[in-house]
């Protein structure tokens, strides 16, 4: 009976050890994919508030447009070659048509799935 208990103890120890390793190595940081379109207005307000605290004049619509463009950039195909001098390469990304008549003032159209309701 002692050998059976040793095997059971070994299996329980491996499971508990694997669980502890997972907890230690688990990365709980949020990623871009974790932020939903409905959460984006709150994120834009928070970023705008933080920038205004440092003395920068920026409105929530501008921040929301930057966040929308960032999301579109992440879904675009990466450029073939990075710029050699560290500057941003002039590469056209297929981020969708830009329209100026959206209801929220966004530079991106609602077809991109990045519509938001700041107002």
PDB file of N, CA and C in Angstrom:
ATOM      1  N   UNK A   1       0.805  -1.191   0.000  1.00  0.00           N
ATOM      2  CA  UNK A   1       0.000   0.000   0.000  1.00  0.00           C
ATOM      3  C   UNK A   1       0.852   1.260   0.000  1.00  0.00           C
ATOM      4  N   UNK A   2       2.051   1.191   0.516  1.00  0.00           N
ATOM      5  CA  UNK A   2       2.938   2.335   0.568  1.00  0.00           C
ATOM      6  C   UNK A   2       3.346   2.786  -0.840  1.00  0.00           C
ATOM      7  N   UNK A   3       3.527   1.851  -1.766  1.00  0.00           N
ATOM      8  CA  UNK A   3       3.904   2.200  -3.140  1.00  0.00           C
ATOM      9  C   UNK A   3       2.765   2.929  -3.854  1.00  0.00           C
ATOM     10  N   UNK A   4       1.519   2.498  -3.601  1.00  0.00           N
ATOM     11  CA  UNK A   4       0.372   3.193  -4.206  1.00  0.00           C
ATOM     12  C   UNK A   4       0.278   4.637  -3.718  1.00  0.00           C
ATOM     13  N   UNK A   5       0.506   4.831  -2.425  1.00  0.00           N
ATOM     14  CA  UNK A   5       0.466   6.183  -1.872  1.00  0.00           C
ATOM     15  C   UNK A   5       1.564   7.050  -2.461  1.00  0.00           C
ATOM     16  N   UNK A   6       2.742   6.490  -2.683  1.00  0.00           N
ATOM     17  CA  UNK A   6       3.848   7.247  -3.270  1.00  0.00           C
ATOM     18  C   UNK A   6       3.508   7.714  -4.683  1.00  0.00           C
ATOM     19  N   UNK A   7       2.880   6.842  -5.488  1.00  0.00           N
ATOM     20  CA  UNK A   7       2.471   7.246  -6.832  1.00  0.00           C
ATOM     21  C   UNK A   7       1.420   8.350  -6.783  1.00  0.00           C
ATOM     22  N   UNK A   8       0.471   8.204  -5.868  1.00  0.00           N
ATOM     23  CA  UNK A   8      -0.557   9.234  -5.735  1.00  0.00           C
ATOM     24  C   UNK A   8       0.084  10.558  -5.316  1.00  0.00           C
ATOM     25  N   UNK A   9       0.995  10.495  -4.381  1.00  0.00           N
ATOM     26  CA  UNK A   9       1.695  11.690  -3.911  1.00  0.00           C
ATOM     27  C   UNK A   9       2.508  12.324  -5.041  1.00  0.00           C
ATOM     28  N   UNK A  10       3.152  11.510  -5.870  1.00  0.00           N
ATOM     29  CA  UNK A  10       3.914  12.026  -7.005  1.00  0.00           C
ATOM     30  C   UNK A  10       3.004  12.753  -7.994  1.00  0.00           C
ATOM     31  N   UNK A  11       1.855  12.163  -8.315  1.00  0.00           N
ATOM     32  CA  UNK A  11       0.928  12.789  -9.268  1.00  0.00           C
ATOM     33  C   UNK A  11       0.381  14.094  -8.706  1.00  0.00           C
ATOM     34  N   UNK A  12      -0.035  14.100  -7.465  1.00  0.00           N
ATOM     35  CA  UNK A  12      -0.549  15.333  -6.835  1.00  0.00           C
ATOM     36  C   UNK A  12       0.554  16.391  -6.799  1.00  0.00           C
ATOM     37  N   UNK A  13       1.766  15.992  -6.484  1.00  0.00           N
ATOM     38  CA  UNK A  13       2.878  16.954  -6.456  1.00  0.00           C
ATOM     39  C   UNK A  13       3.157  17.554  -7.818  1.00  0.00           C
ATOM     40  N   UNK A  14       3.089  16.736  -8.863  1.00  0.00           N
ATOM     41  CA  UNK A  14       3.297  17.263 -10.214  1.00  0.00           C
ATOM     42  C   UNK A  14       2.198  18.244 -10.614  1.00  0.00           C
ATOM     43  N   UNK A  15       0.959  17.927 -10.279  1.00  0.00           N
ATOM     44  CA  UNK A  15      -0.152  18.824 -10.622  1.00  0.00           C
ATOM     45  C   UNK A  15      -0.035  20.137  -9.860  1.00  0.00           C
ATOM     46  N   UNK A  16       0.245  20.057  -8.574  1.00  0.00           N
ATOM     47  CA  UNK A  16       0.397  21.278  -7.770  1.00  0.00           C
ATOM     48  C   UNK A  16       1.609  22.079  -8.254  1.00  0.00           C
ATOM     49  N   UNK A  17       2.699  21.419  -8.554  1.00  0.00           N
ATOM     50  CA  UNK A  17       3.885  22.111  -9.061  1.00  0.00           C
ATOM     51  C   UNK A  17       3.635  22.785 -10.388  1.00  0.00           C
ATOM     52  N   UNK A  18       2.926  22.103 -11.298  1.00  0.00           N
ATOM     53  CA  UNK A  18       2.599  22.709 -12.582  1.00  0.00           C
ATOM     54  C   UNK A  18       1.693  23.926 -12.395  1.00  0.00           C
ATOM     55  N   UNK A  19       0.759  23.838 -11.463  1.00  0.00           N
ATOM     56  CA  UNK A  19      -0.113  24.977 -11.176  1.00  0.00           C
ATOM     57  C   UNK A  19       0.661  26.162 -10.635  1.00  0.00           C
ATOM     58  N   UNK A  20       1.603  25.913  -9.746  1.00  0.00           N
ATOM     59  CA  UNK A  20       2.421  27.002  -9.201  1.00  0.00           C
ATOM     60  C   UNK A  20       3.302  27.636 -10.275  1.00  0.00           C
ATOM     61  N   UNK A  21       3.885  26.823 -11.132  1.00  0.00           N
ATOM     62  CA  UNK A  21       4.703  27.363 -12.226  1.00  0.00           C
ATOM     63  C   UNK A  21       3.847  28.216 -13.150  1.00  0.00           C
ATOM     64  N   UNK A  22       2.643  27.752 -13.461  1.00  0.00           N
ATOM     65  CA  UNK A  22       1.745  28.532 -14.321  1.00  0.00           C
ATOM     66  C   UNK A  22       1.408  29.861 -13.669  1.00  0.00           C
ATOM     67  N   UNK A  23       1.111  29.872 -12.371  1.00  0.00           N
ATOM     68  CA  UNK A  23       0.788  31.125 -11.682  1.00  0.00           C
ATOM     69  C   UNK A  23       1.965  32.090 -11.685  1.00  0.00           C
ATOM     70  N   UNK A  24       3.156  31.569 -11.515  1.00  0.00           N
ATOM     71  CA  UNK A  24       4.341  32.435 -11.476  1.00  0.00           C
ATOM     72  C   UNK A  24       4.640  33.005 -12.864  1.00  0.00           C
ATOM     73  N   UNK A  25       4.501  32.185 -13.895  1.00  0.00           N
ATOM     74  CA  UNK A  25       4.848  32.618 -15.243  1.00  0.00           C
ATOM     75  C   UNK A  25       3.690  33.267 -15.996  1.00  0.00           C
ATOM     76  N   UNK A  26       2.490  33.218 -15.442  1.00  0.00           N
ATOM     77  CA  UNK A  26       1.324  33.767 -16.134  1.00  0.00           C
ATOM     78  C   UNK A  26       1.483  35.277 -16.299  1.00  0.00           C
ATOM     79  N   UNK A  27       1.157  35.746 -17.463  1.00  0.00           N
ATOM     80  CA  UNK A  27       1.238  37.171 -17.772  1.00  0.00           C
ATOM     81  C   UNK A  27      -0.177  37.740 -17.755  1.00  0.00           C
ATOM     82  N   UNK A  28      -0.477  38.536 -16.765  1.00  0.00           N
ATOM     83  CA  UNK A  28      -1.820  39.083 -16.620  1.00  0.00           C
ATOM     84  C   UNK A  28      -1.998  40.429 -17.292  1.00  0.00           C
ATOM     85  N   UNK A  29      -1.003  40.881 -18.035  1.00  0.00           N
ATOM     86  CA  UNK A  29      -1.103  42.184 -18.692  1.00  0.00           C
ATOM     87  C   UNK A  29      -2.150  42.134 -19.806  1.00  0.00           C
ATOM     88  N   UNK A  30      -2.869  43.238 -19.958  1.00  0.00           N
ATOM     89  CA  UNK A  30      -3.860  43.311 -21.024  1.00  0.00           C
ATOM     90  C   UNK A  30      -3.160  43.583 -22.338  1.00  0.00           C
ATOM     91  N   UNK A  31      -3.747  43.051 -23.381  1.00  0.00           N
ATOM     92  CA  UNK A  31      -3.202  43.236 -24.722  1.00  0.00           C
ATOM     93  C   UNK A  31      -4.195  44.013 -25.566  1.00  0.00           C
ATOM     94  N   UNK A  32      -3.754  44.429 -26.733  1.00  0.00           N
ATOM     95  CA  UNK A  32      -4.604  45.204 -27.636  1.00  0.00           C
ATOM     96  C   UNK A  32      -5.894  44.450 -27.968  1.00  0.00           C
ATOM     97  N   UNK A  33      -5.790  43.142 -28.112  1.00  0.00           N
ATOM     98  CA  UNK A  33      -6.970  42.345 -28.458  1.00  0.00           C
ATOM     99  C   UNK A  33      -7.970  42.273 -27.307  1.00  0.00           C
ATOM    100  N   UNK A  34      -7.525  42.554 -26.086  1.00  0.00           N
ATOM    101  CA  UNK A  34      -8.416  42.498 -24.928  1.00  0.00           C
ATOM    102  C   UNK A  34      -9.329  43.714 -24.828  1.00  0.00           C
ATOM    103  N   UNK A  35      -8.977  44.805 -25.497  1.00  0.00           N
ATOM    104  CA  UNK A  35      -9.764  46.035 -25.437  1.00  0.00           C
ATOM    105  C   UNK A  35     -10.839  45.966 -26.519  1.00  0.00           C
ATOM    106  N   UNK A  36     -12.083  45.950 -26.098  1.00  0.00           N
ATOM    107  CA  UNK A  36     -13.187  45.861 -27.052  1.00  0.00           C
ATOM    108  C   UNK A  36     -13.543  47.239 -27.590  1.00  0.00           C
ATOM    109  N   UNK A  37     -14.308  47.246 -28.661  1.00  0.00           N
ATOM    110  CA  UNK A  37     -14.727  48.515 -29.273  1.00  0.00           C
ATOM    111  C   UNK A  37     -15.598  49.320 -28.315  1.00  0.00           C
ATOM    112  N   UNK A  38     -16.366  48.650 -27.470  1.00  0.00           N
ATOM    113  CA  UNK A  38     -17.210  49.380 -26.519  1.00  0.00           C
ATOM    114  C   UNK A  38     -16.390  49.999 -25.389  1.00  0.00           C
ATOM    115  N   UNK A  39     -15.188  49.489 -25.155  1.00  0.00           N
ATOM    116  CA  UNK A  39     -14.324  50.031 -24.104  1.00  0.00           C
ATOM    117  C   UNK A  39     -13.429  51.161 -24.611  1.00  0.00           C
ATOM    118  N   UNK A  40     -13.309  51.288 -25.921  1.00  0.00           N
ATOM    119  CA  UNK A  40     -12.401  52.271 -26.504  1.00  0.00           C
ATOM    120  C   UNK A  40     -12.721  53.718 -26.099  1.00  0.00           C
ATOM    121  N   UNK A  41     -13.997  54.153 -26.016  1.00  0.00           N
ATOM    122  CA  UNK A  41     -14.257  55.527 -25.565  1.00  0.00           C
ATOM    123  C   UNK A  41     -13.735  55.795 -24.155  1.00  0.00           C
ATOM    124  N   UNK A  42     -13.880  54.825 -23.260  1.00  0.00           N
ATOM    125  CA  UNK A  42     -13.354  54.997 -21.902  1.00  0.00           C
ATOM    126  C   UNK A  42     -11.841  55.093 -21.917  1.00  0.00           C
ATOM    127  N   UNK A  43     -11.207  54.279 -22.760  1.00  0.00           N
ATOM    128  CA  UNK A  43      -9.751  54.334 -22.882  1.00  0.00           C
ATOM    129  C   UNK A  43      -9.310  55.688 -23.423  1.00  0.00           C
ATOM    130  N   UNK A  44     -10.034  56.209 -24.414  1.00  0.00           N
ATOM    131  CA  UNK A  44      -9.688  57.510 -24.992  1.00  0.00           C
ATOM    132  C   UNK A  44      -9.844  58.620 -23.955  1.00  0.00           C
ATOM    133  N   UNK A  45     -10.902  58.554 -23.159  1.00  0.00           N
ATOM    134  CA  UNK A  45     -11.086  59.562 -22.106  1.00  0.00           C
ATOM    135  C   UNK A  45      -9.964  59.495 -21.080  1.00  0.00           C
ATOM    136  N   UNK A  46      -9.593  58.267 -20.682  1.00  0.00           N
ATOM    137  CA  UNK A  46      -8.544  58.109 -19.682  1.00  0.00           C
ATOM    138  C   UNK A  46      -7.214  58.641 -20.206  1.00  0.00           C
ATOM    139  N   UNK A  47      -6.864  58.288 -21.437  1.00  0.00           N
ATOM    140  CA  UNK A  47      -5.607  58.773 -22.019  1.00  0.00           C
ATOM    141  C   UNK A  47      -5.647  60.291 -22.159  1.00  0.00           C
ATOM    142  N   UNK A  48      -6.782  60.840 -22.611  1.00  0.00           N
ATOM    143  CA  UNK A  48      -6.914  62.296 -22.727  1.00  0.00           C
ATOM    144  C   UNK A  48      -6.743  62.979 -21.383  1.00  0.00           C
ATOM    145  N   UNK A  49      -7.338  62.427 -20.324  1.00  0.00           N
ATOM    146  CA  UNK A  49      -7.182  62.997 -18.983  1.00  0.00           C
ATOM    147  C   UNK A  49      -5.729  62.967 -18.537  1.00  0.00           C
ATOM    148  N   UNK A  50      -5.039  61.854 -18.794  1.00  0.00           N
ATOM    149  CA  UNK A  50      -3.639  61.749 -18.394  1.00  0.00           C
ATOM    150  C   UNK A  50      -2.766  62.749 -19.147  1.00  0.00           C
ATOM    151  N   UNK A  51      -3.040  62.941 -20.443  1.00  0.00           N
ATOM    152  CA  UNK A  51      -2.258  63.907 -21.222  1.00  0.00           C
ATOM    153  C   UNK A  51      -2.562  65.334 -20.788  1.00  0.00           C
ATOM    154  N   UNK A  52      -3.815  65.625 -20.457  1.00  0.00           N
ATOM    155  CA  UNK A  52      -4.159  66.980 -19.997  1.00  0.00           C
ATOM    156  C   UNK A  52      -3.531  67.280 -18.645  1.00  0.00           C
ATOM    157  N   UNK A  53      -3.363  66.270 -17.805  1.00  0.00           N
ATOM    158  CA  UNK A  53      -2.699  66.479 -16.509  1.00  0.00           C
ATOM    159  C   UNK A  53      -1.247  66.902 -16.683  1.00  0.00           C
ATOM    160  N   UNK A  54      -0.620  66.461 -17.769  1.00  0.00           N
ATOM    161  CA  UNK A  54       0.775  66.834 -18.005  1.00  0.00           C
ATOM    162  C   UNK A  54       0.890  68.155 -18.748  1.00  0.00           C
ATOM    163  N   UNK A  55      -0.244  68.803 -19.032  1.00  0.00           N
ATOM    164  CA  UNK A  55      -0.214  70.110 -19.666  1.00  0.00           C
ATOM    165  C   UNK A  55      -0.402  70.092 -21.170  1.00  0.00           C
ATOM    166  N   UNK A  56      -0.666  68.952 -21.753  1.00  0.00           N
ATOM    167  CA  UNK A  56      -0.880  68.888 -23.198  1.00  0.00           C
ATOM    168  C   UNK A  56      -2.342  69.147 -23.511  1.00  0.00           C
ATOM    169  N   UNK A  57      -2.564  69.858 -24.583  1.00  0.00           N
ATOM    170  CA  UNK A  57      -3.944  70.137 -24.976  1.00  0.00           C
ATOM    171  C   UNK A  57      -4.352  69.137 -26.059  1.00  0.00           C
ATOM    172  N   UNK A  58      -5.199  68.199 -25.675  1.00  0.00           N
ATOM    173  CA  UNK A  58      -5.674  67.166 -26.584  1.00  0.00           C
ATOM    174  C   UNK A  58      -7.122  66.860 -26.205  1.00  0.00           C
ATOM    175  N   UNK A  59      -7.945  66.636 -27.218  1.00  0.00           N
ATOM    176  CA  UNK A  59      -9.329  66.293 -26.917  1.00  0.00           C
ATOM    177  C   UNK A  59      -9.539  64.789 -27.075  1.00  0.00           C
ATOM    178  N   UNK A  60     -10.639  64.310 -26.527  1.00  0.00           N
ATOM    179  CA  UNK A  60     -10.914  62.868 -26.528  1.00  0.00           C
ATOM    180  C   UNK A  60     -11.120  62.326 -27.937  1.00  0.00           C
ATOM    181  N   UNK A  61     -11.670  63.145 -28.851  1.00  0.00           N
ATOM    182  CA  UNK A  61     -11.868  62.693 -30.229  1.00  0.00           C
ATOM    183  C   UNK A  61     -10.538  62.420 -30.916  1.00  0.00           C
ATOM    184  N   UNK A  62      -9.553  63.263 -30.676  1.00  0.00           N
ATOM    185  CA  UNK A  62      -8.237  63.062 -31.276  1.00  0.00           C
ATOM    186  C   UNK A  62      -7.594  61.789 -30.740  1.00  0.00           C
ATOM    187  N   UNK A  63      -7.692  61.585 -29.446  1.00  0.00           N
ATOM    188  CA  UNK A  63      -7.132  60.372 -28.847  1.00  0.00           C
ATOM    189  C   UNK A  63      -7.838  59.143 -29.401  1.00  0.00           C
ATOM    190  N   UNK A  64      -9.157  59.208 -29.539  1.00  0.00           N
ATOM    191  CA  UNK A  64      -9.911  58.072 -30.074  1.00  0.00           C
ATOM    192  C   UNK A  64      -9.505  57.782 -31.517  1.00  0.00           C
ATOM    193  N   UNK A  65      -9.275  58.840 -32.309  1.00  0.00           N
ATOM    194  CA  UNK A  65      -8.816  58.635 -33.680  1.00  0.00           C
ATOM    195  C   UNK A  65      -7.452  57.964 -33.716  1.00  0.00           C
ATOM    196  N   UNK A  66      -6.557  58.369 -32.825  1.00  0.00           N
ATOM    197  CA  UNK A  66      -5.231  57.751 -32.760  1.00  0.00           C
ATOM    198  C   UNK A  66      -5.362  56.273 -32.372  1.00  0.00           C
ATOM    199  N   UNK A  67      -6.231  55.965 -31.419  1.00  0.00           N
ATOM    200  CA  UNK A  67      -6.431  54.577 -31.023  1.00  0.00           C
ATOM    201  C   UNK A  67      -7.022  53.753 -32.168  1.00  0.00           C
ATOM    202  N   UNK A  68      -7.965  54.340 -32.914  1.00  0.00           N
ATOM    203  CA  UNK A  68      -8.543  53.644 -34.063  1.00  0.00           C
ATOM    204  C   UNK A  68      -7.486  53.373 -35.128  1.00  0.00           C
ATOM    205  N   UNK A  69      -6.655  54.375 -35.393  1.00  0.00           N
ATOM    206  CA  UNK A  69      -5.599  54.195 -36.391  1.00  0.00           C
ATOM    207  C   UNK A  69      -4.570  53.175 -35.924  1.00  0.00           C
ATOM    208  N   UNK A  70      -4.290  53.163 -34.630  1.00  0.00           N
ATOM    209  CA  UNK A  70      -3.352  52.175 -34.094  1.00  0.00           C
ATOM    210  C   UNK A  70      -3.909  50.762 -34.273  1.00  0.00           C
ATOM    211  N   UNK A  71      -5.184  50.576 -33.989  1.00  0.00           N
ATOM    212  CA  UNK A  71      -5.805  49.259 -34.173  1.00  0.00           C
ATOM    213  C   UNK A  71      -5.783  48.858 -35.644  1.00  0.00           C
ATOM    214  N   UNK A  72      -6.023  49.804 -36.539  1.00  0.00           N
ATOM    215  CA  UNK A  72      -5.978  49.507 -37.971  1.00  0.00           C
ATOM    216  C   UNK A  72      -4.557  49.162 -38.406  1.00  0.00           C
ATOM    217  N   UNK A  73      -3.576  49.849 -37.840  1.00  0.00           N
ATOM    218  CA  UNK A  73      -2.172  49.562 -38.166  1.00  0.00           C
ATOM    219  C   UNK A  73      -1.798  48.144 -37.741  1.00  0.00           C
ATOM    220  N   UNK A  74      -2.273  47.732 -36.564  1.00  0.00           N
ATOM    221  CA  UNK A  74      -1.941  46.394 -36.080  1.00  0.00           C
ATOM    222  C   UNK A  74      -2.571  45.298 -36.923  1.00  0.00           C
ATOM    223  N   UNK A  75      -3.701  45.582 -37.566  1.00  0.00           N
ATOM    224  CA  UNK A  75      -4.339  44.570 -38.402  1.00  0.00           C
ATOM    225  C   UNK A  75      -3.817  44.598 -39.830  1.00  0.00           C
ATOM    226  N   UNK A  76      -3.035  45.612 -40.192  1.00  0.00           N
ATOM    227  CA  UNK A  76      -2.512  45.728 -41.558  1.00  0.00           C
ATOM    228  C   UNK A  76      -1.297  44.823 -41.737  1.00  0.00           C
ATOM    229  N   UNK A  77      -0.976  44.575 -42.983  1.00  0.00           N
ATOM    230  CA  UNK A  77       0.214  43.797 -43.323  1.00  0.00           C
ATOM    231  C   UNK A  77       1.442  44.643 -42.999  1.00  0.00           C
ATOM    232  N   UNK A  78       2.448  44.062 -42.355  1.00  0.00           N
ATOM    233  CA  UNK A  78       3.633  44.855 -42.032  1.00  0.00           C
ATOM    234  C   UNK A  78       4.368  45.290 -43.293  1.00  0.00           C
ATOM    235  N   UNK A  79       5.085  46.403 -43.206  1.00  0.00           N
ATOM    236  CA  UNK A  79       5.833  46.859 -44.378  1.00  0.00           C
ATOM    237  C   UNK A  79       6.944  45.877 -44.730  1.00  0.00           C
ATOM    238  N   UNK A  80       7.312  45.865 -46.012  1.00  0.00           N
ATOM    239  CA  UNK A  80       8.363  44.950 -46.462  1.00  0.00           C
ATOM    240  C   UNK A  80       9.706  45.276 -45.838  1.00  0.00           C
ATOM    241  N   UNK A  81      10.032  46.572 -45.808  1.00  0.00           N
ATOM    242  CA  UNK A  81      11.311  46.988 -45.244  1.00  0.00           C
ATOM    243  C   UNK A  81      11.098  48.161 -44.309  1.00  0.00           C
ATOM    244  N   UNK A  82      11.717  48.119 -43.128  1.00  0.00           N
ATOM    245  CA  UNK A  82      11.634  49.292 -42.253  1.00  0.00           C
ATOM    246  C   UNK A  82      12.502  50.417 -42.800  1.00  0.00           C
ATOM    247  N   UNK A  83      12.173  51.628 -42.410  1.00  0.00           N
ATOM    248  CA  UNK A  83      12.967  52.774 -42.837  1.00  0.00           C
ATOM    249  C   UNK A  83      14.356  52.675 -42.223  1.00  0.00           C
ATOM    250  N   UNK A  84      15.377  53.024 -42.998  1.00  0.00           N
ATOM    251  CA  UNK A  84      16.756  52.854 -42.536  1.00  0.00           C
ATOM    252  C   UNK A  84      17.159  53.874 -41.481  1.00  0.00           C
ATOM    253  N   UNK A  85      16.605  55.086 -41.533  1.00  0.00           N
ATOM    254  CA  UNK A  85      17.001  56.127 -40.592  1.00  0.00           C
ATOM    255  C   UNK A  85      16.154  56.139 -39.329  1.00  0.00           C
ATOM    256  N   UNK A  86      15.279  55.160 -39.163  1.00  0.00           N
ATOM    257  CA  UNK A  86      14.434  55.096 -37.976  1.00  0.00           C
ATOM    258  C   UNK A  86      13.145  55.875 -38.117  1.00  0.00           C
ATOM    259  N   UNK A  87      12.993  56.605 -39.210  1.00  0.00           N
ATOM    260  CA  UNK A  87      11.771  57.360 -39.433  1.00  0.00           C
ATOM    261  C   UNK A  87      10.671  56.411 -39.891  1.00  0.00           C
ATOM    262  N   UNK A  88       9.472  56.895 -39.842  1.00  0.00           N
ATOM    263  CA  UNK A  88       8.336  56.088 -40.280  1.00  0.00           C
ATOM    264  C   UNK A  88       8.366  55.986 -41.792  1.00  0.00           C
ATOM    265  N   UNK A  89       8.320  54.756 -42.284  1.00  0.00           N
ATOM    266  CA  UNK A  89       8.325  54.545 -43.728  1.00  0.00           C
ATOM    267  C   UNK A  89       6.983  54.969 -44.307  1.00  0.00           C
ATOM    268  N   UNK A  90       6.991  55.509 -45.493  1.00  0.00           N
ATOM    269  CA  UNK A  90       5.779  55.951 -46.158  1.00  0.00           C
ATOM    270  C   UNK A  90       5.146  54.757 -46.857  1.00  0.00           C
ATOM    271  N   UNK A  91       4.419  53.961 -46.069  1.00  0.00           N
ATOM    272  CA  UNK A  91       3.792  52.755 -46.585  1.00  0.00           C
ATOM    273  C   UNK A  91       2.291  52.910 -46.437  1.00  0.00           C
ATOM    274  N   UNK A  92       1.563  52.598 -47.495  1.00  0.00           N
ATOM    275  CA  UNK A  92       0.119  52.679 -47.423  1.00  0.00           C
ATOM    276  C   UNK A  92      -0.411  51.375 -46.876  1.00  0.00           C
ATOM    277  N   UNK A  93      -1.181  51.480 -45.786  1.00  0.00           N
ATOM    278  CA  UNK A  93      -1.833  50.319 -45.200  1.00  0.00           C
ATOM    279  C   UNK A  93      -3.280  50.331 -45.651  1.00  0.00           C
ATOM    280  N   UNK A  94      -3.819  49.166 -45.899  1.00  0.00           N
ATOM    281  CA  UNK A  94      -5.215  49.060 -46.286  1.00  0.00           C
ATOM    282  C   UNK A  94      -6.062  49.059 -45.029  1.00  0.00           C
ATOM    283  N   UNK A  95      -6.213  50.241 -44.418  1.00  0.00           N
ATOM    284  CA  UNK A  95      -6.935  50.370 -43.153  1.00  0.00           C
ATOM    285  C   UNK A  95      -8.381  50.747 -43.371  1.00  0.00           C
ATOM    286  N   UNK A  96      -8.830  50.778 -44.591  1.00  0.00           N
ATOM    287  CA  UNK A  96     -10.215  51.139 -44.843  1.00  0.00           C
ATOM    288  C   UNK A  96     -10.308  52.558 -45.349  1.00  0.00           C
ATOM    289  N   UNK A  97     -11.448  52.912 -45.916  1.00  0.00           N
ATOM    290  CA  UNK A  97     -11.595  54.255 -46.455  1.00  0.00           C
ATOM    291  C   UNK A  97     -11.730  55.290 -45.360  1.00  0.00           C
ATOM    292  N   UNK A  98     -11.089  56.409 -45.560  1.00  0.00           N
ATOM    293  CA  UNK A  98     -11.210  57.508 -44.605  1.00  0.00           C
ATOM    294  C   UNK A  98     -12.391  58.371 -45.004  1.00  0.00           C
ATOM    295  N   UNK A  99     -13.223  58.652 -44.030  1.00  0.00           N
ATOM    296  CA  UNK A  99     -14.371  59.502 -44.287  1.00  0.00           C
ATOM    297  C   UNK A  99     -14.398  60.591 -43.248  1.00  0.00           C
ATOM    298  N   UNK A 100     -14.898  61.741 -43.631  1.00  0.00           N
ATOM    299  CA  UNK A 100     -14.964  62.846 -42.688  1.00  0.00           C
ATOM    300  C   UNK A 100     -16.377  63.051 -42.182  1.00  0.00           C
ATOM    301  N   UNK A 101     -17.334  62.258 -42.625  1.00  0.00           N
ATOM    302  CA  UNK A 101     -18.707  62.479 -42.234  1.00  0.00           C
ATOM    303  C   UNK A 101     -19.238  61.446 -41.265  1.00  0.00           C
ATOM    304  N   UNK A 102     -18.384  60.834 -40.462  1.00  0.00           N
ATOM    305  CA  UNK A 102     -18.888  59.875 -39.487  1.00  0.00           C
ATOM    306  C   UNK A 102     -19.509  60.621 -38.324  1.00  0.00           C
ATOM    307  N   UNK A 103     -20.411  59.965 -37.636  1.00  0.00           N
ATOM    308  CA  UNK A 103     -21.160  60.629 -36.582  1.00  0.00           C
ATOM    309  C   UNK A 103     -20.300  60.985 -35.382  1.00  0.00           C
ATOM    310  N   UNK A 104     -19.207  60.285 -35.150  1.00  0.00           N
ATOM    311  CA  UNK A 104     -18.380  60.555 -33.982  1.00  0.00           C
ATOM    312  C   UNK A 104     -17.181  61.433 -34.299  1.00  0.00           C
ATOM    313  N   UNK A 105     -17.006  61.841 -35.555  1.00  0.00           N
ATOM    314  CA  UNK A 105     -15.871  62.671 -35.912  1.00  0.00           C
ATOM    315  C   UNK A 105     -14.616  61.863 -36.155  1.00  0.00           C
ATOM    316  N   UNK A 106     -14.719  60.565 -36.240  1.00  0.00           N
ATOM    317  CA  UNK A 106     -13.564  59.713 -36.434  1.00  0.00           C
ATOM    318  C   UNK A 106     -13.089  59.790 -37.872  1.00  0.00           C
ATOM    319  N   UNK A 107     -11.786  59.609 -38.053  1.00  0.00           N
ATOM    320  CA  UNK A 107     -11.224  59.592 -39.404  1.00  0.00           C
ATOM    321  C   UNK A 107     -11.498  58.269 -40.094  1.00  0.00           C
ATOM    322  N   UNK A 108     -11.941  57.272 -39.344  1.00  0.00           N
ATOM    323  CA  UNK A 108     -12.205  55.967 -39.908  1.00  0.00           C
ATOM    324  C   UNK A 108     -13.704  55.753 -40.023  1.00  0.00           C
ATOM    325  N   UNK A 109     -14.092  54.965 -40.991  1.00  0.00           N
ATOM    326  CA  UNK A 109     -15.511  54.696 -41.179  1.00  0.00           C
ATOM    327  C   UNK A 109     -15.992  53.612 -40.237  1.00  0.00           C
ATOM    328  N   UNK A 110     -17.286  53.513 -40.078  1.00  0.00           N
ATOM    329  CA  UNK A 110     -17.872  52.517 -39.189  1.00  0.00           C
ATOM    330  C   UNK A 110     -17.739  51.116 -39.738  1.00  0.00           C
ATOM    331  N   UNK A 111     -17.437  50.952 -41.041  1.00  0.00           N
ATOM    332  CA  UNK A 111     -17.276  49.621 -41.595  1.00  0.00           C
ATOM    333  C   UNK A 111     -16.068  48.912 -41.019  1.00  0.00           C
ATOM    334  N   UNK A 112     -15.126  49.649 -40.447  1.00  0.00           N
ATOM    335  CA  UNK A 112     -13.919  49.052 -39.884  1.00  0.00           C
ATOM    336  C   UNK A 112     -14.188  48.356 -38.560  1.00  0.00           C
ATOM    337  N   UNK A 113     -15.390  48.513 -38.015  1.00  0.00           N
ATOM    338  CA  UNK A 113     -15.689  47.911 -36.735  1.00  0.00           C
ATOM    339  C   UNK A 113     -15.089  48.680 -35.578  1.00  0.00           C
ATOM    340  N   UNK A 114     -14.687  49.911 -35.825  1.00  0.00           N
ATOM    341  CA  UNK A 114     -14.036  50.704 -34.779  1.00  0.00           C
ATOM    342  C   UNK A 114     -14.896  51.884 -34.378  1.00  0.00           C
ATOM    343  N   UNK A 115     -16.193  51.776 -34.627  1.00  0.00           N
ATOM    344  CA  UNK A 115     -17.090  52.868 -34.281  1.00  0.00           C
ATOM    345  C   UNK A 115     -17.108  53.056 -32.770  1.00  0.00           C
ATOM    346  N   UNK A 116     -17.263  54.266 -32.340  1.00  0.00           N
ATOM    347  CA  UNK A 116     -17.311  54.548 -30.915  1.00  0.00           C
ATOM    348  C   UNK A 116     -18.320  55.650 -30.661  1.00  0.00           C
ATOM    349  N   UNK A 117     -18.742  55.777 -29.450  1.00  0.00           N
ATOM    350  CA  UNK A 117     -19.724  56.795 -29.090  1.00  0.00           C
ATOM    351  C   UNK A 117     -19.217  57.659 -27.963  1.00  0.00           C
ATOM    352  N   UNK A 118     -18.348  58.604 -28.266  1.00  0.00           N
ATOM    353  CA  UNK A 118     -17.803  59.472 -27.229  1.00  0.00           C
ATOM    354  C   UNK A 118     -18.831  60.481 -26.736  1.00  0.00           C
ATOM    355  N   UNK A 119     -19.803  60.782 -27.556  1.00  0.00           N
ATOM    356  CA  UNK A 119     -20.772  61.800 -27.141  1.00  0.00           C
ATOM    357  C   UNK A 119     -22.135  61.237 -27.037  1.00  0.00           C
TER     358      UNK A 119
END
